[in-house]
PDB file of N, CA and C in Angstrom:
ATOM      1  N   MET A   1     350.762  -3.343 142.041  1.00  0.00           N
ATOM      2  CA  MET A   1     349.617  -2.668 141.396  1.00  0.00           C
ATOM      3  C   MET A   1     348.701  -2.052 142.375  1.00  0.00           C
ATOM      4  N   THR A   2     348.549  -2.728 143.513  1.00  0.00           N
ATOM      5  CA  THR A   2     347.635  -2.133 144.537  1.00  0.00           C
ATOM      6  C   THR A   2     348.025  -0.792 144.921  1.00  0.00           C
ATOM      7  N   GLY A   3     349.234  -0.488 145.138  1.00  0.00           N
ATOM      8  CA  GLY A   3     349.802   0.691 145.655  1.00  0.00           C
ATOM      9  C   GLY A   3     349.494   1.712 144.545  1.00  0.00           C
ATOM     10  N   ILE A   4     349.679   1.453 143.257  1.00  0.00           N
ATOM     11  CA  ILE A   4     349.124   2.478 142.213  1.00  0.00           C
ATOM     12  C   ILE A   4     347.690   2.706 142.276  1.00  0.00           C
ATOM     13  N   LEU A   5     346.769   1.781 142.325  1.00  0.00           N
ATOM     14  CA  LEU A   5     345.499   1.998 142.465  1.00  0.00           C
ATOM     15  C   LEU A   5     345.073   2.754 143.660  1.00  0.00           C
ATOM     16  N   ALA A   6     345.725   2.521 144.824  1.00  0.00           N
ATOM     17  CA  ALA A   6     345.392   3.421 146.044  1.00  0.00           C
ATOM     18  C   ALA A   6     345.649   4.765 145.803  1.00  0.00           C
ATOM     19  N   LEU A   7     346.881   5.143 145.068  1.00  0.00           N
ATOM     20  CA  LEU A   7     347.137   6.558 144.611  1.00  0.00           C
ATOM     21  C   LEU A   7     345.994   7.206 143.984  1.00  0.00           C
ATOM     22  N   ALA A   8     345.157   6.517 143.183  1.00  0.00           N
ATOM     23  CA  ALA A   8     344.261   6.997 142.412  1.00  0.00           C
ATOM     24  C   ALA A   8     343.259   8.024 143.260  1.00  0.00           C
ATOM     25  N   ILE A   9     342.910   7.439 144.289  1.00  0.00           N
ATOM     26  CA  ILE A   9     341.984   8.147 145.182  1.00  0.00           C
ATOM     27  C   ILE A   9     342.339   9.543 145.739  1.00  0.00           C
ATOM     28  N   PRO A  10     343.477   9.682 146.293  1.00  0.00           N
ATOM     29  CA  PRO A  10     343.863  11.168 146.641  1.00  0.00           C
ATOM     30  C   PRO A  10     344.417  12.108 145.506  1.00  0.00           C
ATOM     31  N   TYR A  11     344.911  11.302 144.458  1.00  0.00           N
ATOM     32  CA  TYR A  11     345.614  12.221 143.455  1.00  0.00           C
ATOM     33  C   TYR A  11     344.781  12.111 142.131  1.00  0.00           C
ATOM     34  N   GLY A  12     344.889  13.204 141.316  1.00  0.00           N
ATOM     35  CA  GLY A  12     344.311  13.194 139.811  1.00  0.00           C
ATOM     36  C   GLY A  12     344.968  12.256 139.144  1.00  0.00           C
ATOM     37  N   MET A  13     344.428  12.024 137.937  1.00  0.00           N
ATOM     38  CA  MET A  13     345.010  11.084 136.924  1.00  0.00           C
ATOM     39  C   MET A  13     346.366  11.649 136.430  1.00  0.00           C
ATOM     40  N   SER A  14     346.464  12.985 136.225  1.00  0.00           N
ATOM     41  CA  SER A  14     347.652  13.432 135.806  1.00  0.00           C
ATOM     42  C   SER A  14     348.865  13.241 136.851  1.00  0.00           C
ATOM     43  N   ASP A  15     348.559  13.126 138.002  1.00  0.00           N
ATOM     44  CA  ASP A  15     349.383  12.929 138.968  1.00  0.00           C
ATOM     45  C   ASP A  15     349.928  11.497 138.937  1.00  0.00           C
ATOM     46  N   LEU A  16     349.101  10.715 138.444  1.00  0.00           N
ATOM     47  CA  LEU A  16     349.565   9.030 138.361  1.00  0.00           C
ATOM     48  C   LEU A  16     350.429   8.923 137.223  1.00  0.00           C
ATOM     49  N   ILE A  17     350.491   9.661 136.064  1.00  0.00           N
ATOM     50  CA  ILE A  17     351.119   9.262 134.936  1.00  0.00           C
ATOM     51  C   ILE A  17     352.680   8.838 135.354  1.00  0.00           C
ATOM     52  N   PRO A  18     353.429   9.883 136.216  1.00  0.00           N
ATOM     53  CA  PRO A  18     354.737   9.371 136.428  1.00  0.00           C
ATOM     54  C   PRO A  18     354.894   8.140 137.168  1.00  0.00           C
ATOM     55  N   GLU A  19     353.901   7.975 138.160  1.00  0.00           N
ATOM     56  CA  GLU A  19     353.925   6.478 138.853  1.00  0.00           C
ATOM     57  C   GLU A  19     353.685   5.403 138.131  1.00  0.00           C
ATOM     58  N   LEU A  20     352.771   5.523 137.129  1.00  0.00           N
ATOM     59  CA  LEU A  20     352.542   4.563 136.227  1.00  0.00           C
ATOM     60  C   LEU A  20     353.636   4.214 135.237  1.00  0.00           C
ATOM     61  N   ALA A  21     354.353   5.174 134.906  1.00  0.00           N
ATOM     62  CA  ALA A  21     355.574   4.940 133.988  1.00  0.00           C
ATOM     63  C   ALA A  21     356.676   4.104 134.671  1.00  0.00           C
ATOM     64  N   ARG A  22     356.709   4.161 135.960  1.00  0.00           N
ATOM     65  CA  ARG A  22     357.793   3.392 136.692  1.00  0.00           C
ATOM     66  C   ARG A  22     357.304   2.157 136.760  1.00  0.00           C
ATOM     67  N   LEU A  23     356.173   1.516 136.338  1.00  0.00           N
ATOM     68  CA  LEU A  23     355.750   0.100 136.438  1.00  0.00           C
ATOM     69  C   LEU A  23     356.413  -0.697 135.387  1.00  0.00           C
ATOM     70  N   SER A  24     356.664  -2.000 135.586  1.00  0.00           N
ATOM     71  CA  SER A  24     357.256  -2.730 134.485  1.00  0.00           C
ATOM     72  C   SER A  24     356.120  -2.882 133.370  1.00  0.00           C
ATOM     73  N   PRO A  25     356.565  -3.231 131.950  1.00  0.00           N
ATOM     74  CA  PRO A  25     355.613  -3.481 131.105  1.00  0.00           C
ATOM     75  C   PRO A  25     354.534  -4.609 131.441  1.00  0.00           C
ATOM     76  N   ARG A  26     354.838  -5.607 132.210  1.00  0.00           N
ATOM     77  CA  ARG A  26     353.955  -6.746 132.634  1.00  0.00           C
ATOM     78  C   ARG A  26     353.005  -5.954 133.648  1.00  0.00           C
ATOM     79  N   GLN A  27     353.548  -5.378 134.629  1.00  0.00           N
ATOM     80  CA  GLN A  27     352.605  -4.632 135.516  1.00  0.00           C
ATOM     81  C   GLN A  27     351.552  -3.586 134.841  1.00  0.00           C
ATOM     82  N   ARG A  28     352.001  -2.735 133.830  1.00  0.00           N
ATOM     83  CA  ARG A  28     351.202  -1.995 133.149  1.00  0.00           C
ATOM     84  C   ARG A  28     350.114  -2.789 132.356  1.00  0.00           C
ATOM     85  N   LEU A  29     350.643  -3.950 131.652  1.00  0.00           N
ATOM     86  CA  LEU A  29     349.608  -4.727 131.128  1.00  0.00           C
ATOM     87  C   LEU A  29     348.430  -5.382 131.986  1.00  0.00           C
ATOM     88  N   ASP A  30     349.022  -5.782 133.031  1.00  0.00           N
ATOM     89  CA  ASP A  30     347.998  -6.377 134.202  1.00  0.00           C
ATOM     90  C   ASP A  30     347.085  -5.237 134.484  1.00  0.00           C
ATOM     91  N   LEU A  31     347.511  -4.129 134.756  1.00  0.00           N
ATOM     92  CA  LEU A  31     346.736  -2.906 135.188  1.00  0.00           C
ATOM     93  C   LEU A  31     345.759  -2.677 134.059  1.00  0.00           C
ATOM     94  N   ILE A  32     346.013  -2.600 132.852  1.00  0.00           N
ATOM     95  CA  ILE A  32     345.174  -2.460 131.603  1.00  0.00           C
ATOM     96  C   ILE A  32     344.127  -3.527 131.624  1.00  0.00           C
ATOM     97  N   GLU A  33     344.540  -4.591 131.806  1.00  0.00           N
ATOM     98  CA  GLU A  33     343.633  -5.818 131.795  1.00  0.00           C
ATOM     99  C   GLU A  33     342.473  -5.671 133.122  1.00  0.00           C
ATOM    100  N   ALA A  34     343.104  -5.321 134.218  1.00  0.00           N
ATOM    101  CA  ALA A  34     342.176  -5.250 135.334  1.00  0.00           C
ATOM    102  C   ALA A  34     341.145  -4.163 135.024  1.00  0.00           C
ATOM    103  N   HIS A  35     341.636  -2.946 134.497  1.00  0.00           N
ATOM    104  CA  HIS A  35     340.706  -1.884 134.145  1.00  0.00           C
ATOM    105  C   HIS A  35     339.655  -2.262 133.235  1.00  0.00           C
ATOM    106  N   TRP A  36     340.297  -2.982 132.103  1.00  0.00           N
ATOM    107  CA  TRP A  36     339.436  -3.229 131.009  1.00  0.00           C
ATOM    108  C   TRP A  36     338.279  -4.288 131.488  1.00  0.00           C
ATOM    109  N   GLU A  37     338.454  -5.251 132.339  1.00  0.00           N
ATOM    110  CA  GLU A  37     337.494  -6.234 132.771  1.00  0.00           C
ATOM    111  C   GLU A  37     336.744  -5.473 133.933  1.00  0.00           C
ATOM    112  N   SER A  38     337.029  -4.366 134.332  1.00  0.00           N
ATOM    113  CA  SER A  38     336.179  -3.780 135.268  1.00  0.00           C
ATOM    114  C   SER A  38     334.981  -3.111 134.431  1.00  0.00           C
ATOM    115  N   LEU A  39     335.096  -2.965 133.168  1.00  0.00           N
ATOM    116  CA  LEU A  39     333.917  -2.305 132.366  1.00  0.00           C
ATOM    117  C   LEU A  39     332.710  -3.261 132.057  1.00  0.00           C
ATOM    118  N   ASP A  40     331.694  -2.609 132.090  1.00  0.00           N
ATOM    119  CA  ASP A  40     330.322  -3.583 131.483  1.00  0.00           C
ATOM    120  C   ASP A  40     330.534  -3.302 129.981  1.00  0.00           C
ATOM    121  N   ASP A  41     329.716  -4.175 129.355  1.00  0.00           N
ATOM    122  CA  ASP A  41     329.490  -4.146 127.946  1.00  0.00           C
ATOM    123  C   ASP A  41     329.002  -2.681 127.498  1.00  0.00           C
ATOM    124  N   LYS A  42     327.947  -2.164 128.175  1.00  0.00           N
ATOM    125  CA  LYS A  42     327.419  -1.029 127.929  1.00  0.00           C
ATOM    126  C   LYS A  42     328.467   0.114 128.134  1.00  0.00           C
ATOM    127  N   ASP A  43     329.410   0.009 128.781  1.00  0.00           N
ATOM    128  CA  ASP A  43     330.400   0.987 129.069  1.00  0.00           C
ATOM    129  C   ASP A  43     331.375   1.166 127.745  1.00  0.00           C
ATOM    130  N   VAL A  44     331.319   0.277 126.847  1.00  0.00           N
ATOM    131  CA  VAL A  44     332.328   0.308 125.519  1.00  0.00           C
ATOM    132  C   VAL A  44     331.423   0.612 124.323  1.00  0.00           C
ATOM    133  N   PRO A  45     331.400   1.765 123.852  1.00  0.00           N
ATOM    134  CA  PRO A  45     330.674   1.993 122.614  1.00  0.00           C
ATOM    135  C   PRO A  45     331.210   1.300 121.452  1.00  0.00           C
ATOM    136  N   LEU A  46     330.392   0.658 120.536  1.00  0.00           N
ATOM    137  CA  LEU A  46     330.801   0.102 119.259  1.00  0.00           C
ATOM    138  C   LEU A  46     330.198   0.926 118.161  1.00  0.00           C
ATOM    139  N   THR A  47     330.863   0.914 117.240  1.00  0.00           N
ATOM    140  CA  THR A  47     330.424   1.512 115.858  1.00  0.00           C
ATOM    141  C   THR A  47     329.522   0.331 115.290  1.00  0.00           C
ATOM    142  N   GLU A  48     328.726   0.731 114.318  1.00  0.00           N
ATOM    143  CA  GLU A  48     327.745  -0.228 113.433  1.00  0.00           C
ATOM    144  C   GLU A  48     328.836  -1.308 112.877  1.00  0.00           C
ATOM    145  N   ALA A  49     329.957  -0.858 112.306  1.00  0.00           N
ATOM    146  CA  ALA A  49     330.821  -1.796 111.678  1.00  0.00           C
ATOM    147  C   ALA A  49     331.325  -2.906 112.775  1.00  0.00           C
ATOM    148  N   GLN A  50     331.785  -2.207 113.927  1.00  0.00           N
ATOM    149  CA  GLN A  50     332.099  -3.324 115.074  1.00  0.00           C
ATOM    150  C   GLN A  50     331.106  -4.231 115.415  1.00  0.00           C
ATOM    151  N   ARG A  51     329.814  -3.587 115.540  1.00  0.00           N
ATOM    152  CA  ARG A  51     328.684  -4.547 115.946  1.00  0.00           C
ATOM    153  C   ARG A  51     328.480  -5.455 115.040  1.00  0.00           C
ATOM    154  N   ALA A  52     328.377  -5.163 113.740  1.00  0.00           N
ATOM    155  CA  ALA A  52     328.291  -6.261 112.550  1.00  0.00           C
ATOM    156  C   ALA A  52     329.393  -7.296 112.568  1.00  0.00           C
ATOM    157  N   GLU A  53     330.702  -6.878 112.853  1.00  0.00           N
ATOM    158  CA  GLU A  53     331.781  -7.874 112.861  1.00  0.00           C
ATOM    159  C   GLU A  53     331.596  -8.855 114.013  1.00  0.00           C
ATOM    160  N   LEU A  54     331.220  -8.383 115.217  1.00  0.00           N
ATOM    161  CA  LEU A  54     330.902  -9.138 116.344  1.00  0.00           C
ATOM    162  C   LEU A  54     329.792 -10.161 115.988  1.00  0.00           C
ATOM    163  N   ASP A  55     328.621  -9.653 115.456  1.00  0.00           N
ATOM    164  CA  ASP A  55     327.583 -10.517 115.109  1.00  0.00           C
ATOM    165  C   ASP A  55     327.999 -11.660 114.277  1.00  0.00           C
ATOM    166  N   ARG A  56     328.881 -11.228 113.249  1.00  0.00           N
ATOM    167  CA  ARG A  56     329.314 -12.203 112.111  1.00  0.00           C
ATOM    168  C   ARG A  56     330.139 -13.330 112.867  1.00  0.00           C
ATOM    169  N   ARG A  57     331.090 -12.960 113.802  1.00  0.00           N
ATOM    170  CA  ARG A  57     331.875 -13.789 114.617  1.00  0.00           C
ATOM    171  C   ARG A  57     331.002 -14.854 115.418  1.00  0.00           C
ATOM    172  N   ILE A  58     330.010 -14.116 116.111  1.00  0.00           N
ATOM    173  CA  ILE A  58     329.300 -14.962 117.002  1.00  0.00           C
ATOM    174  C   ILE A  58     328.409 -16.085 116.202  1.00  0.00           C
ATOM    175  N   ALA A  59     327.930 -15.586 114.936  1.00  0.00           N
ATOM    176  CA  ALA A  59     327.165 -16.368 114.086  1.00  0.00           C
ATOM    177  C   ALA A  59     328.075 -17.620 113.647  1.00  0.00           C
ATOM    178  N   GLY A  60     329.281 -17.332 113.436  1.00  0.00           N
ATOM    179  CA  GLY A  60     330.303 -18.323 112.966  1.00  0.00           C
ATOM    180  C   GLY A  60     330.653 -19.252 114.132  1.00  0.00           C
ATOM    181  N   PHE A  61     330.750 -18.874 115.318  1.00  0.00           N
ATOM    182  CA  PHE A  61     330.927 -19.608 116.519  1.00  0.00           C
ATOM    183  C   PHE A  61     329.883 -20.640 116.651  1.00  0.00           C
ATOM    184  N   GLU A  62     328.526 -20.080 116.665  1.00  0.00           N
ATOM    185  CA  GLU A  62     327.415 -20.815 116.776  1.00  0.00           C
ATOM    186  C   GLU A  62     327.079 -21.989 115.657  1.00  0.00           C
ATOM    187  N   ARG A  63     327.555 -21.496 114.410  1.00  0.00           N
ATOM    188  CA  ARG A  63     327.505 -22.546 113.283  1.00  0.00           C
ATOM    189  C   ARG A  63     328.573 -23.797 113.525  1.00  0.00           C
ATOM    190  N   ASP A  64     329.678 -23.397 114.093  1.00  0.00           N
ATOM    191  CA  ASP A  64     330.734 -24.338 114.056  1.00  0.00           C
ATOM    192  C   ASP A  64     331.457 -24.561 115.542  1.00  0.00           C
ATOM    193  N   GLN A  65     330.621 -24.831 116.498  1.00  0.00           N
ATOM    194  CA  GLN A  65     331.052 -24.800 117.892  1.00  0.00           C
ATOM    195  C   GLN A  65     332.292 -25.883 118.009  1.00  0.00           C
ATOM    196  N   GLN A  66     332.249 -26.953 117.278  1.00  0.00           N
ATOM    197  CA  GLN A  66     333.170 -28.093 117.352  1.00  0.00           C
ATOM    198  C   GLN A  66     334.700 -27.535 117.007  1.00  0.00           C
ATOM    199  N   GLN A  67     334.783 -26.442 116.309  1.00  0.00           N
ATOM    200  CA  GLN A  67     336.099 -25.819 115.835  1.00  0.00           C
ATOM    201  C   GLN A  67     336.429 -24.628 116.808  1.00  0.00           C
ATOM    202  N   SER A  68     335.474 -24.251 117.507  1.00  0.00           N
ATOM    203  CA  SER A  68     335.699 -23.064 118.401  1.00  0.00           C
ATOM    204  C   SER A  68     335.929 -23.360 119.859  1.00  0.00           C
ATOM    205  N   ILE A  69     336.703 -22.436 120.684  1.00  0.00           N
ATOM    206  CA  ILE A  69     336.925 -22.683 122.066  1.00  0.00           C
ATOM    207  C   ILE A  69     336.309 -21.284 122.700  1.00  0.00           C
ATOM    208  N   SER A  70     335.942 -21.482 124.114  1.00  0.00           N
ATOM    209  CA  SER A  70     335.246 -20.429 124.725  1.00  0.00           C
ATOM    210  C   SER A  70     336.454 -19.342 125.021  1.00  0.00           C
ATOM    211  N   TRP A  71     336.093 -18.138 125.363  1.00  0.00           N
ATOM    212  CA  TRP A  71     336.962 -17.192 125.830  1.00  0.00           C
ATOM    213  C   TRP A  71     337.607 -17.521 127.040  1.00  0.00           C
ATOM    214  N   ASP A  72     336.858 -18.021 128.055  1.00  0.00           N
ATOM    215  CA  ASP A  72     337.588 -18.515 129.290  1.00  0.00           C
ATOM    216  C   ASP A  72     338.581 -19.587 129.150  1.00  0.00           C
ATOM    217  N   ARG A  73     338.392 -20.658 128.132  1.00  0.00           N
ATOM    218  CA  ARG A  73     339.367 -21.545 127.874  1.00  0.00           C
ATOM    219  C   ARG A  73     340.618 -20.874 127.213  1.00  0.00           C
ATOM    220  N   LEU A  74     340.379 -19.977 126.121  1.00  0.00           N
ATOM    221  CA  LEU A  74     341.527 -19.301 125.607  1.00  0.00           C
ATOM    222  C   LEU A  74     342.313 -18.428 126.599  1.00  0.00           C
ATOM    223  N   SER A  75     341.561 -17.804 127.350  1.00  0.00           N
ATOM    224  CA  SER A  75     342.267 -16.866 128.411  1.00  0.00           C
ATOM    225  C   SER A  75     343.067 -17.659 129.251  1.00  0.00           C
ATOM    226  N   ALA A  76     342.549 -18.853 129.697  1.00  0.00           N
ATOM    227  CA  ALA A  76     343.306 -19.721 130.602  1.00  0.00           C
ATOM    228  C   ALA A  76     344.711 -20.212 129.907  1.00  0.00           C
ATOM    229  N   GLU A  77     344.546 -20.613 128.686  1.00  0.00           N
ATOM    230  CA  GLU A  77     345.570 -21.024 127.855  1.00  0.00           C
ATOM    231  C   GLU A  77     346.628 -19.984 127.881  1.00  0.00           C
ATOM    232  N   LEU A  78     346.253 -18.742 127.479  1.00  0.00           N
ATOM    233  CA  LEU A  78     347.193 -17.668 127.338  1.00  0.00           C
ATOM    234  C   LEU A  78     347.923 -17.348 128.654  1.00  0.00           C
ATOM    235  N   ARG A  79     347.127 -17.381 129.673  1.00  0.00           N
ATOM    236  CA  ARG A  79     347.714 -17.056 131.051  1.00  0.00           C
ATOM    237  C   ARG A  79     348.889 -17.956 131.369  1.00  0.00           C
ATOM    238  N   GLN A  80     348.622 -19.372 130.927  1.00  0.00           N
ATOM    239  CA  GLN A  80     349.588 -20.342 131.365  1.00  0.00           C
ATOM    240  C   GLN A  80     350.825 -20.080 130.443  1.00  0.00           C
ATOM    241  N   ARG A  81     350.802 -19.516 129.308  1.00  0.00           N
ATOM    242  CA  ARG A  81     352.002 -19.229 128.482  1.00  0.00           C
ATOM    243  C   ARG A  81     352.790 -18.230 129.094  1.00  0.00           C
ATOM    244  N   ARG A  82     352.469 -17.324 130.057  1.00  0.00           N
ATOM    245  CA  ARG A  82     353.037 -16.287 130.462  1.00  0.00           C
ATOM    246  C   ARG A  82     354.284 -16.772 131.291  1.00  0.00           C
TER     247      ARG A  82
END
């Protein structure tokens, strides 16, 4: 994956597409995940409906924390399943 990211500097995005297509599905998913995690909340625009849904879910989490798990815990559990 590091080699592909290094290509992004001297080449345009359209030049990367054939290189990215050669990655395995797992490598492409890892690249997507790394790219997604590099974004700040302000970089991801939300519609009013999405914001309302997130607010609803956060309120539900806060009401019943005994039945909820944190994103860090869920993420760690999912990574162990790979």
